[in-house]
Amino acid sequence: MSSAFSELSTPLIADACLRLKLPIRIVPPNIRPLITGSRLAGSVLPVRHYGSVDIFLEAMGNVKDGGILVIDNDGRTDEGCIGDLTTLEAKVSGLSGIIVWGCHRDTAELIQIGFPIFSYGTCPSGPQRLDERHPNALNSARFDNFEATKDDIVFADDDGVLFVPEQKIEELLSTASAIYQTERKQAEAIKSGKKLREQLRFDEYLTKRAADPSYTFRKHLKVLGGAIEE
């Protein structure tokens, strides 16, 4: 999965979702990579934290090689629910990264480990609670207003984190790659002196819109095969 994502980005995946009319499940924008430039692509290993590290260790006993630990910590910023030991265990267990709806701690050690982590940031305090374990603690993870499950693939980079259904992954990656190729051609043409307005026949669009207000820019791009919005 990582190799297929190597020349793509989360904006391209989101654009592909839009084109294929798939839900765009994006985590809150202040979920950021601990290390700038971190990239993740892989199957979701969901877990709902309830205050004890044992739930993470249990989840790591069912790892798909290259999978990504997705932790639902209810968006809490008053505790760092993972640190260096959990991260090292995730790394040696075959996971490729961790995404937390919440915070981490042990920042200096995590940077030294170099393992991709996405979270709200850091909090020095570990959990001081022990809540009731959710019945779906190892089957799904909430992220703000949606759920991620083992049937999902997650992509993450400097632009954000989003989830897509695994059953649509081949079509989605193919569409994202096609959008990428179109955008690269458009970018090269701009650098060579052909403005984007010219490439997209923007004056023609304005004329058609004046004659028919229902003629949208997305409809125009669909006719041309442009990549900006459609």
C-alpha atoms as a PDB file:
ATOM      1  CA  MET A   1       0.000   0.000   0.000  1.00  0.00           C
ATOM      2  CA  SER A   2       2.821   2.416   0.841  1.00  0.00           C
ATOM      3  CA  SER A   3       4.381   1.952  -2.605  1.00  0.00           C
ATOM      4  CA  ALA A   4       1.047   2.686  -4.312  1.00  0.00           C
ATOM      5  CA  PHE A   5       0.789   5.899  -2.252  1.00  0.00           C
ATOM      6  CA  SER A   6       4.395   6.941  -2.872  1.00  0.00           C
ATOM      7  CA  GLU A   7       3.671   9.514  -5.600  1.00  0.00           C
ATOM      8  CA  LEU A   8       0.194  10.402  -4.340  1.00  0.00           C
ATOM      9  CA  SER A   9      -1.076  12.585  -1.468  1.00  0.00           C
ATOM     10  CA  THR A  10      -4.114  12.882   0.761  1.00  0.00           C
ATOM     11  CA  PRO A  11      -5.486  15.760  -1.383  1.00  0.00           C
ATOM     12  CA  LEU A  12      -5.338  13.462  -4.423  1.00  0.00           C
ATOM     13  CA  ILE A  13      -7.063  10.672  -2.484  1.00  0.00           C
ATOM     14  CA  ALA A  14      -9.744  13.149  -1.376  1.00  0.00           C
ATOM     15  CA  ASP A  15     -10.212  14.337  -4.979  1.00  0.00           C
ATOM     16  CA  ALA A  16     -10.578  10.718  -6.084  1.00  0.00           C
ATOM     17  CA  CYS A  17     -13.240  10.181  -3.405  1.00  0.00           C
ATOM     18  CA  LEU A  18     -15.084  13.225  -4.729  1.00  0.00           C
ATOM     19  CA  ARG A  19     -14.926  11.959  -8.305  1.00  0.00           C
ATOM     20  CA  LEU A  20     -16.104   8.471  -7.287  1.00  0.00           C
ATOM     21  CA  LYS A  21     -18.787   9.923  -5.001  1.00  0.00           C
ATOM     22  CA  LEU A  22     -17.342   8.222  -1.926  1.00  0.00           C
ATOM     23  CA  PRO A  23     -17.668   9.749   1.559  1.00  0.00           C
ATOM     24  CA  ILE A  24     -14.640  11.865   2.469  1.00  0.00           C
ATOM     25  CA  ARG A  25     -13.817  10.882   6.051  1.00  0.00           C
ATOM     26  CA  ILE A  26     -11.193  13.371   7.179  1.00  0.00           C
ATOM     27  CA  VAL A  27      -9.939  13.674  10.751  1.00  0.00           C
ATOM     28  CA  PRO A  28      -9.885  17.102  12.455  1.00  0.00           C
ATOM     29  CA  PRO A  29      -7.259  19.324  10.772  1.00  0.00           C
ATOM     30  CA  ASN A  30      -5.228  19.811  13.968  1.00  0.00           C
ATOM     31  CA  ILE A  31      -4.264  16.127  13.976  1.00  0.00           C
ATOM     32  CA  ARG A  32      -0.672  16.613  12.806  1.00  0.00           C
ATOM     33  CA  PRO A  33       2.422  14.463  12.233  1.00  0.00           C
ATOM     34  CA  LEU A  34       4.952  14.466  15.049  1.00  0.00           C
ATOM     35  CA  ILE A  35       7.699  14.477  12.405  1.00  0.00           C
ATOM     36  CA  THR A  36       7.107  16.674   9.362  1.00  0.00           C
ATOM     37  CA  GLY A  37       7.152  14.644   6.178  1.00  0.00           C
ATOM     38  CA  SER A  38       5.724  11.488   7.770  1.00  0.00           C
ATOM     39  CA  ARG A  39       3.542   9.451   5.421  1.00  0.00           C
ATOM     40  CA  LEU A  40       1.292   6.485   6.131  1.00  0.00           C
ATOM     41  CA  ALA A  41      -0.852   4.200   4.007  1.00  0.00           C
ATOM     42  CA  GLY A  42      -2.226   0.912   5.237  1.00  0.00           C
ATOM     43  CA  SER A  43      -4.994  -1.126   6.800  1.00  0.00           C
ATOM     44  CA  VAL A  44      -6.617   0.117   9.995  1.00  0.00           C
ATOM     45  CA  LEU A  45      -6.011  -1.623  13.315  1.00  0.00           C
ATOM     46  CA  PRO A  46      -8.615   0.140  15.477  1.00  0.00           C
ATOM     47  CA  VAL A  47      -8.603   0.427  19.248  1.00  0.00           C
ATOM     48  CA  ARG A  48     -10.644   2.401  21.781  1.00  0.00           C
ATOM     49  CA  HIS A  49      -8.527   3.484  24.729  1.00  0.00           C
ATOM     50  CA  TYR A  50     -10.141   3.455  28.158  1.00  0.00           C
ATOM     51  CA  GLY A  51      -7.189   4.393  30.365  1.00  0.00           C
ATOM     52  CA  SER A  52      -4.991   1.291  30.382  1.00  0.00           C
ATOM     53  CA  VAL A  53      -2.147   0.357  28.038  1.00  0.00           C
ATOM     54  CA  ASP A  54      -3.238  -3.284  27.974  1.00  0.00           C
ATOM     55  CA  ILE A  55      -5.754  -2.520  25.212  1.00  0.00           C
ATOM     56  CA  PHE A  56      -2.882  -1.490  22.910  1.00  0.00           C
ATOM     57  CA  LEU A  57      -0.874  -4.614  23.696  1.00  0.00           C
ATOM     58  CA  GLU A  58      -3.923  -6.779  23.030  1.00  0.00           C
ATOM     59  CA  ALA A  59      -4.544  -5.073  19.693  1.00  0.00           C
ATOM     60  CA  MET A  60      -0.926  -5.613  18.661  1.00  0.00           C
ATOM     61  CA  GLY A  61      -1.450  -9.356  18.915  1.00  0.00           C
ATOM     62  CA  ASN A  62      -3.568  -9.156  15.741  1.00  0.00           C
ATOM     63  CA  VAL A  63      -1.348  -7.133  13.435  1.00  0.00           C
ATOM     64  CA  LYS A  64      -1.480  -7.150   9.649  1.00  0.00           C
ATOM     65  CA  ASP A  65       2.078  -6.425   8.568  1.00  0.00           C
ATOM     66  CA  GLY A  66       2.253  -2.746   7.671  1.00  0.00           C
ATOM     67  CA  GLY A  67      -1.039  -1.957   9.390  1.00  0.00           C
ATOM     68  CA  ILE A  68      -1.628   1.293  11.255  1.00  0.00           C
ATOM     69  CA  LEU A  69      -2.768   1.516  14.872  1.00  0.00           C
ATOM     70  CA  VAL A  70      -5.715   3.932  14.982  1.00  0.00           C
ATOM     71  CA  ILE A  71      -6.474   4.995  18.558  1.00  0.00           C
ATOM     72  CA  ASP A  72      -9.754   6.501  19.697  1.00  0.00           C
ATOM     73  CA  ASN A  73      -8.970   8.483  22.848  1.00  0.00           C
ATOM     74  CA  ASP A  74     -12.123  10.586  22.568  1.00  0.00           C
ATOM     75  CA  GLY A  75     -10.135  13.587  21.357  1.00  0.00           C
ATOM     76  CA  ARG A  76      -8.749  14.165  24.852  1.00  0.00           C
ATOM     77  CA  THR A  77      -5.963  16.705  25.283  1.00  0.00           C
ATOM     78  CA  ASP A  78      -5.540  16.233  29.056  1.00  0.00           C
ATOM     79  CA  GLU A  79      -3.469  13.047  28.750  1.00  0.00           C
ATOM     80  CA  GLY A  80      -0.847  11.533  26.491  1.00  0.00           C
ATOM     81  CA  CYS A  81      -2.147   8.018  25.866  1.00  0.00           C
ATOM     82  CA  ILE A  82       0.955   6.693  24.054  1.00  0.00           C
ATOM     83  CA  GLY A  83       4.661   7.131  24.713  1.00  0.00           C
ATOM     84  CA  ASP A  84       7.991   5.592  23.853  1.00  0.00           C
ATOM     85  CA  LEU A  85       7.335   2.043  25.096  1.00  0.00           C
ATOM     86  CA  THR A  86       4.010   1.656  23.289  1.00  0.00           C
ATOM     87  CA  THR A  87       5.571   3.102  20.148  1.00  0.00           C
ATOM     88  CA  LEU A  88       8.559   0.760  20.256  1.00  0.00           C
ATOM     89  CA  GLU A  89       6.211  -2.196  20.766  1.00  0.00           C
ATOM     90  CA  ALA A  90       4.132  -1.089  17.776  1.00  0.00           C
ATOM     91  CA  LYS A  91       7.249  -0.844  15.643  1.00  0.00           C
ATOM     92  CA  VAL A  92       8.607  -4.302  16.485  1.00  0.00           C
ATOM     93  CA  SER A  93       5.112  -5.794  16.095  1.00  0.00           C
ATOM     94  CA  GLY A  94       5.085  -4.946  12.381  1.00  0.00           C
ATOM     95  CA  LEU A  95       2.927  -1.830  12.436  1.00  0.00           C
ATOM     96  CA  SER A  96       3.913   1.089  10.215  1.00  0.00           C
ATOM     97  CA  GLY A  97       2.533   3.972  12.272  1.00  0.00           C
ATOM     98  CA  ILE A  98       0.090   5.276  14.881  1.00  0.00           C
ATOM     99  CA  ILE A  99      -2.759   7.769  14.506  1.00  0.00           C
ATOM    100  CA  VAL A 100      -4.327   9.090  17.721  1.00  0.00           C
ATOM    101  CA  TRP A 101      -7.541  10.994  18.269  1.00  0.00           C
ATOM    102  CA  GLY A 102      -5.835  12.535  21.265  1.00  0.00           C
ATOM    103  CA  CYS A 103      -2.279  13.276  22.422  1.00  0.00           C
ATOM    104  CA  HIS A 104       1.070  11.538  22.815  1.00  0.00           C
ATOM    105  CA  ARG A 105       3.952  12.111  25.240  1.00  0.00           C
ATOM    106  CA  ASP A 106       7.706  11.310  25.449  1.00  0.00           C
ATOM    107  CA  THR A 107       8.237  13.522  22.413  1.00  0.00           C
ATOM    108  CA  ALA A 108      12.053  13.511  22.428  1.00  0.00           C
ATOM    109  CA  GLU A 109      12.161   9.716  22.566  1.00  0.00           C
ATOM    110  CA  LEU A 110       9.501   9.373  19.855  1.00  0.00           C
ATOM    111  CA  ILE A 111      11.449  11.639  17.520  1.00  0.00           C
ATOM    112  CA  GLN A 112      14.552   9.554  18.144  1.00  0.00           C
ATOM    113  CA  ILE A 113      12.604   6.357  17.386  1.00  0.00           C
ATOM    114  CA  GLY A 114      11.469   7.960  14.121  1.00  0.00           C
ATOM    115  CA  PHE A 115       8.152   6.099  13.974  1.00  0.00           C
ATOM    116  CA  PRO A 116       5.312   7.934  12.162  1.00  0.00           C
ATOM    117  CA  ILE A 117       2.806   9.303  14.685  1.00  0.00           C
ATOM    118  CA  PHE A 118      -0.134  11.629  14.057  1.00  0.00           C
ATOM    119  CA  SER A 119      -1.934  13.261  17.006  1.00  0.00           C
ATOM    120  CA  TYR A 120      -3.225  16.531  18.479  1.00  0.00           C
ATOM    121  CA  GLY A 121       0.201  17.083  19.994  1.00  0.00           C
ATOM    122  CA  THR A 122       1.820  16.367  23.313  1.00  0.00           C
ATOM    123  CA  CYS A 123       0.675  16.206  26.938  1.00  0.00           C
ATOM    124  CA  PRO A 124       3.153  15.287  29.697  1.00  0.00           C
ATOM    125  CA  SER A 125       0.580  13.488  31.856  1.00  0.00           C
ATOM    126  CA  GLY A 126      -0.351   9.893  31.204  1.00  0.00           C
ATOM    127  CA  PRO A 127      -3.898   8.574  31.805  1.00  0.00           C
ATOM    128  CA  GLN A 128      -5.073   8.765  35.425  1.00  0.00           C
ATOM    129  CA  ARG A 129      -8.426   7.091  34.783  1.00  0.00           C
ATOM    130  CA  LEU A 130      -9.724   3.596  34.213  1.00  0.00           C
ATOM    131  CA  ASP A 131     -13.060   3.705  32.406  1.00  0.00           C
ATOM    132  CA  GLU A 132     -15.311   0.855  31.396  1.00  0.00           C
ATOM    133  CA  ARG A 133     -13.996  -0.919  28.318  1.00  0.00           C
ATOM    134  CA  HIS A 134     -16.165  -0.404  25.228  1.00  0.00           C
ATOM    135  CA  PRO A 135     -17.593  -3.655  23.764  1.00  0.00           C
ATOM    136  CA  ASN A 136     -16.183  -2.696  20.338  1.00  0.00           C
ATOM    137  CA  ALA A 137     -12.808  -1.656  21.736  1.00  0.00           C
ATOM    138  CA  LEU A 138     -10.887  -3.770  19.195  1.00  0.00           C
ATOM    139  CA  ASN A 139     -13.334  -3.509  16.282  1.00  0.00           C
ATOM    140  CA  SER A 140     -13.726   0.196  15.606  1.00  0.00           C
ATOM    141  CA  ALA A 141     -12.327   3.595  16.512  1.00  0.00           C
ATOM    142  CA  ARG A 142     -14.231   6.864  16.474  1.00  0.00           C
ATOM    143  CA  PHE A 143     -12.659   9.961  14.990  1.00  0.00           C
ATOM    144  CA  ASP A 144     -14.771  13.009  15.696  1.00  0.00           C
ATOM    145  CA  ASN A 145     -18.014  12.348  13.763  1.00  0.00           C
ATOM    146  CA  PHE A 146     -17.256   9.014  12.059  1.00  0.00           C
ATOM    147  CA  GLU A 147     -15.919   5.534  12.787  1.00  0.00           C
ATOM    148  CA  ALA A 148     -12.987   3.639  11.291  1.00  0.00           C
ATOM    149  CA  THR A 149     -12.940  -0.167  11.217  1.00  0.00           C
ATOM    150  CA  LYS A 150     -10.728  -3.014  10.057  1.00  0.00           C
ATOM    151  CA  ASP A 151     -12.484  -2.727   6.689  1.00  0.00           C
ATOM    152  CA  ASP A 152     -10.841   0.663   6.089  1.00  0.00           C
ATOM    153  CA  ILE A 153      -7.571   1.911   4.655  1.00  0.00           C
ATOM    154  CA  VAL A 154      -6.033   5.059   6.127  1.00  0.00           C
ATOM    155  CA  PHE A 155      -3.791   7.589   4.372  1.00  0.00           C
ATOM    156  CA  ALA A 156      -1.842  10.296   6.209  1.00  0.00           C
ATOM    157  CA  ASP A 157       0.698  12.967   5.283  1.00  0.00           C
ATOM    158  CA  ASP A 158       1.450  16.626   5.993  1.00  0.00           C
ATOM    159  CA  ASP A 159      -1.960  17.625   4.572  1.00  0.00           C
ATOM    160  CA  GLY A 160      -3.998  15.446   6.926  1.00  0.00           C
ATOM    161  CA  VAL A 161      -5.489  12.021   7.553  1.00  0.00           C
ATOM    162  CA  LEU A 162      -8.389  10.345   5.784  1.00  0.00           C
ATOM    163  CA  PHE A 163     -10.060   6.946   5.716  1.00  0.00           C
ATOM    164  CA  VAL A 164     -11.472   5.064   2.731  1.00  0.00           C
ATOM    165  CA  PRO A 165     -13.217   1.680   2.361  1.00  0.00           C
ATOM    166  CA  GLU A 166     -10.811  -1.127   1.516  1.00  0.00           C
ATOM    167  CA  GLN A 167     -13.224  -2.621  -1.031  1.00  0.00           C
ATOM    168  CA  LYS A 168     -12.863   0.513  -3.197  1.00  0.00           C
ATOM    169  CA  ILE A 169      -9.108   0.883  -2.881  1.00  0.00           C
ATOM    170  CA  GLU A 170      -8.016  -0.247  -6.361  1.00  0.00           C
ATOM    171  CA  GLU A 171     -10.464   2.053  -8.148  1.00  0.00           C
ATOM    172  CA  LEU A 172      -9.623   4.887  -5.796  1.00  0.00           C
ATOM    173  CA  LEU A 173      -5.857   4.602  -6.270  1.00  0.00           C
ATOM    174  CA  SER A 174      -6.273   4.353 -10.042  1.00  0.00           C
ATOM    175  CA  THR A 175      -8.434   7.482 -10.073  1.00  0.00           C
ATOM    176  CA  ALA A 176      -6.032   9.384  -7.797  1.00  0.00           C
ATOM    177  CA  SER A 177      -3.127   8.421 -10.059  1.00  0.00           C
ATOM    178  CA  ALA A 178      -5.002   9.663 -13.143  1.00  0.00           C
ATOM    179  CA  ILE A 179      -5.700  12.983 -11.406  1.00  0.00           C
ATOM    180  CA  TYR A 180      -2.025  13.219 -10.443  1.00  0.00           C
ATOM    181  CA  GLN A 181      -0.903  12.696 -14.051  1.00  0.00           C
ATOM    182  CA  THR A 182      -3.349  15.325 -15.316  1.00  0.00           C
ATOM    183  CA  GLU A 183      -2.232  17.858 -12.715  1.00  0.00           C
ATOM    184  CA  ARG A 184       1.442  17.262 -13.477  1.00  0.00           C
ATOM    185  CA  LYS A 185       0.819  17.907 -17.181  1.00  0.00           C
ATOM    186  CA  GLN A 186      -1.079  21.081 -16.325  1.00  0.00           C
ATOM    187  CA  ALA A 187       1.697  22.245 -13.997  1.00  0.00           C
ATOM    188  CA  GLU A 188       4.374  21.622 -16.635  1.00  0.00           C
ATOM    189  CA  ALA A 189       2.306  23.506 -19.206  1.00  0.00           C
ATOM    190  CA  ILE A 190       2.026  26.505 -16.855  1.00  0.00           C
ATOM    191  CA  LYS A 191       5.800  26.471 -16.344  1.00  0.00           C
ATOM    192  CA  SER A 192       6.219  26.405 -20.122  1.00  0.00           C
ATOM    193  CA  GLY A 193       4.081  29.515 -20.528  1.00  0.00           C
ATOM    194  CA  LYS A 194       0.586  28.152 -21.136  1.00  0.00           C
ATOM    195  CA  LYS A 195      -1.591  29.681 -18.429  1.00  0.00           C
ATOM    196  CA  LEU A 196      -4.121  27.518 -16.618  1.00  0.00           C
ATOM    197  CA  ARG A 197      -6.941  29.769 -17.843  1.00  0.00           C
ATOM    198  CA  GLU A 198      -5.876  28.977 -21.384  1.00  0.00           C
ATOM    199  CA  GLN A 199      -5.586  25.239 -20.744  1.00  0.00           C
ATOM    200  CA  LEU A 200      -9.062  25.166 -19.214  1.00  0.00           C
ATOM    201  CA  ARG A 201     -10.555  27.436 -21.895  1.00  0.00           C
ATOM    202  CA  PHE A 202     -11.792  29.709 -19.165  1.00  0.00           C
ATOM    203  CA  ASP A 203     -13.108  32.430 -21.489  1.00  0.00           C
ATOM    204  CA  GLU A 204     -15.206  29.767 -23.214  1.00  0.00           C
ATOM    205  CA  TYR A 205     -16.566  28.729 -19.821  1.00  0.00           C
ATOM    206  CA  LEU A 206     -17.518  32.319 -18.957  1.00  0.00           C
ATOM    207  CA  THR A 207     -19.341  32.680 -22.279  1.00  0.00           C
ATOM    208  CA  LYS A 208     -21.284  29.445 -21.748  1.00  0.00           C
ATOM    209  CA  ARG A 209     -22.125  30.379 -18.166  1.00  0.00           C
ATOM    210  CA  ALA A 210     -23.444  33.752 -19.288  1.00  0.00           C
ATOM    211  CA  ALA A 211     -25.751  31.987 -21.755  1.00  0.00           C
ATOM    212  CA  ASP A 212     -26.672  29.196 -19.327  1.00  0.00           C
ATOM    213  CA  PRO A 213     -26.325  29.953 -15.577  1.00  0.00           C
ATOM    214  CA  SER A 214     -26.674  26.226 -14.816  1.00  0.00           C
ATOM    215  CA  TYR A 215     -23.378  25.545 -16.642  1.00  0.00           C
ATOM    216  CA  THR A 216     -20.993  25.105 -13.711  1.00  0.00           C
ATOM    217  CA  PHE A 217     -17.216  25.091 -13.707  1.00  0.00           C
ATOM    218  CA  ARG A 218     -17.242  21.460 -12.619  1.00  0.00           C
ATOM    219  CA  LYS A 219     -19.403  20.581 -15.609  1.00  0.00           C
ATOM    220  CA  HIS A 220     -16.955  22.456 -17.822  1.00  0.00           C
ATOM    221  CA  LEU A 221     -13.990  20.597 -16.343  1.00  0.00           C
ATOM    222  CA  LYS A 222     -15.741  17.288 -16.831  1.00  0.00           C
ATOM    223  CA  VAL A 223     -16.055  18.035 -20.536  1.00  0.00           C
ATOM    224  CA  LEU A 224     -12.378  19.016 -20.764  1.00  0.00           C
ATOM    225  CA  GLY A 225     -10.976  16.382 -18.413  1.00  0.00           C
ATOM    226  CA  GLY A 226      -9.372  19.039 -16.199  1.00  0.00           C
ATOM    227  CA  ALA A 227      -8.319  17.999 -12.711  1.00  0.00           C
ATOM    228  CA  ILE A 228      -8.869  21.073 -10.553  1.00  0.00           C
ATOM    229  CA  GLU A 229     -12.251  20.180  -9.101  1.00  0.00           C
ATOM    230  CA  GLU A 230     -13.802  17.308 -11.050  1.00  0.00           C
END
